[in-house]
Amino acid sequence: MKSNIRTAVAALALAVSIVALVAPGLQAATKAPSLPAASIDVSVWTDPGTGCQYLVDTPTRYRGSMTPRMQANGKQVCE
C-alpha cells in the first residue's frame, strides 16, 4: 500500500515538474509579435491612367508594398 502511494506521489511530482518546465515555453510561443503604430505609414496613390486607387506602404528600412484599395462590396476603388 505504501509502495503504491509513493509511486503515485512520485508520478504526480514528475508530472508537475514537466508542466512547470514546458508551460512557460508554450505561453511564449502563443504570443503574437506586435508592431509599434509609428512603423506603419500608409498613403493612397491614384493611378493617373486608370483612376484606380492603391494603398502604398512607404518603405523605411524594408521594401514597401502596394495593394488595391477595395470597397466593401469587393470592387476596387476607381474614379
C-alpha atoms as a PDB file:
ATOM      1  CA  MET A   1       0.000   0.000   0.000  1.00  0.00           C
ATOM      2  CA  LYS A   2       2.827   2.411   0.940  1.00  0.00           C
ATOM      3  CA  SER A   3       4.601   1.482  -2.280  1.00  0.00           C
ATOM      4  CA  ASN A   4       1.541   2.435  -4.362  1.00  0.00           C
ATOM      5  CA  ILE A   5       1.233   5.780  -2.564  1.00  0.00           C
ATOM      6  CA  ARG A   6       4.940   6.525  -3.076  1.00  0.00           C
ATOM      7  CA  THR A   7       4.660   5.646  -6.770  1.00  0.00           C
ATOM      8  CA  ALA A   8       1.607   7.869  -7.159  1.00  0.00           C
ATOM      9  CA  VAL A   9       3.300  10.783  -5.357  1.00  0.00           C
ATOM     10  CA  ALA A  10       6.441  10.362  -7.457  1.00  0.00           C
ATOM     11  CA  ALA A  11       4.391  10.291 -10.683  1.00  0.00           C
ATOM     12  CA  LEU A  12       2.471  13.403  -9.612  1.00  0.00           C
ATOM     13  CA  ALA A  13       5.699  15.220  -8.743  1.00  0.00           C
ATOM     14  CA  LEU A  14       7.163  14.273 -12.122  1.00  0.00           C
ATOM     15  CA  ALA A  15       4.058  15.489 -13.959  1.00  0.00           C
ATOM     16  CA  VAL A  16       4.060  18.815 -12.077  1.00  0.00           C
ATOM     17  CA  SER A  17       7.768  19.276 -12.853  1.00  0.00           C
ATOM     18  CA  ILE A  18       7.232  18.634 -16.561  1.00  0.00           C
ATOM     19  CA  VAL A  19       4.325  21.086 -16.701  1.00  0.00           C
ATOM     20  CA  ALA A  20       6.372  23.718 -14.855  1.00  0.00           C
ATOM     21  CA  LEU A  21       9.205  23.346 -17.373  1.00  0.00           C
ATOM     22  CA  VAL A  22       7.073  23.237 -20.521  1.00  0.00           C
ATOM     23  CA  ALA A  23       4.329  25.783 -19.708  1.00  0.00           C
ATOM     24  CA  PRO A  24       6.467  28.962 -19.957  1.00  0.00           C
ATOM     25  CA  GLY A  25       7.705  27.934 -23.412  1.00  0.00           C
ATOM     26  CA  LEU A  26       4.172  27.288 -24.630  1.00  0.00           C
ATOM     27  CA  GLN A  27       2.949  30.605 -23.335  1.00  0.00           C
ATOM     28  CA  ALA A  28       5.777  32.482 -25.045  1.00  0.00           C
ATOM     29  CA  ALA A  29       5.144  30.679 -28.340  1.00  0.00           C
ATOM     30  CA  THR A  30       1.482  31.759 -28.445  1.00  0.00           C
ATOM     31  CA  LYS A  31       2.209  35.476 -28.175  1.00  0.00           C
ATOM     32  CA  ALA A  32       1.854  37.254 -31.496  1.00  0.00           C
ATOM     33  CA  PRO A  33       4.521  39.776 -32.411  1.00  0.00           C
ATOM     34  CA  SER A  34       3.343  43.357 -32.330  1.00  0.00           C
ATOM     35  CA  LEU A  35       4.495  46.318 -34.367  1.00  0.00           C
ATOM     36  CA  PRO A  36       4.599  49.837 -32.995  1.00  0.00           C
ATOM     37  CA  ALA A  37       1.962  52.057 -34.604  1.00  0.00           C
ATOM     38  CA  ALA A  38       4.621  54.536 -35.727  1.00  0.00           C
ATOM     39  CA  SER A  39       6.256  51.946 -38.001  1.00  0.00           C
ATOM     40  CA  ILE A  40       3.288  51.844 -40.411  1.00  0.00           C
ATOM     41  CA  ASP A  41       2.950  54.722 -42.868  1.00  0.00           C
ATOM     42  CA  VAL A  42       0.224  54.075 -45.458  1.00  0.00           C
ATOM     43  CA  SER A  43      -0.857  56.515 -48.150  1.00  0.00           C
ATOM     44  CA  VAL A  44      -3.332  56.382 -51.044  1.00  0.00           C
ATOM     45  CA  TRP A  45      -1.954  56.577 -54.589  1.00  0.00           C
ATOM     46  CA  THR A  46      -4.219  57.029 -57.615  1.00  0.00           C
ATOM     47  CA  ASP A  47      -3.068  55.605 -60.935  1.00  0.00           C
ATOM     48  CA  PRO A  48      -3.295  58.527 -63.381  1.00  0.00           C
ATOM     49  CA  GLY A  49      -4.026  56.212 -66.304  1.00  0.00           C
ATOM     50  CA  THR A  50      -6.888  54.208 -64.785  1.00  0.00           C
ATOM     51  CA  GLY A  51      -8.049  56.360 -61.864  1.00  0.00           C
ATOM     52  CA  CYS A  52      -7.883  53.298 -59.579  1.00  0.00           C
ATOM     53  CA  GLN A  53      -6.594  53.754 -56.038  1.00  0.00           C
ATOM     54  CA  TYR A  54      -3.911  51.755 -54.238  1.00  0.00           C
ATOM     55  CA  LEU A  55      -2.739  51.666 -50.615  1.00  0.00           C
ATOM     56  CA  VAL A  56       1.019  52.171 -50.504  1.00  0.00           C
ATOM     57  CA  ASP A  57       3.188  51.319 -47.503  1.00  0.00           C
ATOM     58  CA  THR A  58       6.005  53.842 -47.530  1.00  0.00           C
ATOM     59  CA  PRO A  59       9.288  51.942 -47.317  1.00  0.00           C
ATOM     60  CA  THR A  60      11.615  52.551 -44.436  1.00  0.00           C
ATOM     61  CA  ARG A  61      14.440  50.047 -43.933  1.00  0.00           C
ATOM     62  CA  TYR A  62      12.390  47.360 -45.651  1.00  0.00           C
ATOM     63  CA  ARG A  63      10.757  47.211 -49.045  1.00  0.00           C
ATOM     64  CA  GLY A  64       7.453  48.977 -49.430  1.00  0.00           C
ATOM     65  CA  SER A  65       4.272  47.325 -50.625  1.00  0.00           C
ATOM     66  CA  MET A  66       1.195  48.262 -52.625  1.00  0.00           C
ATOM     67  CA  THR A  67      -2.286  46.737 -52.736  1.00  0.00           C
ATOM     68  CA  PRO A  68      -5.541  47.779 -54.434  1.00  0.00           C
ATOM     69  CA  ARG A  69      -7.923  49.827 -52.286  1.00  0.00           C
ATOM     70  CA  MET A  70     -11.171  47.856 -52.120  1.00  0.00           C
ATOM     71  CA  GLN A  71     -14.763  48.847 -51.417  1.00  0.00           C
ATOM     72  CA  ALA A  72     -16.993  46.919 -49.009  1.00  0.00           C
ATOM     73  CA  ASN A  73     -18.586  45.129 -51.987  1.00  0.00           C
ATOM     74  CA  GLY A  74     -15.210  43.739 -53.084  1.00  0.00           C
ATOM     75  CA  LYS A  75     -14.694  46.038 -56.087  1.00  0.00           C
ATOM     76  CA  GLN A  76     -11.622  48.234 -56.438  1.00  0.00           C
ATOM     77  CA  VAL A  77     -11.995  51.964 -55.750  1.00  0.00           C
ATOM     78  CA  CYS A  78     -11.670  53.709 -59.122  1.00  0.00           C
ATOM     79  CA  GLU A  79     -12.651  57.262 -60.028  1.00  0.00           C
END
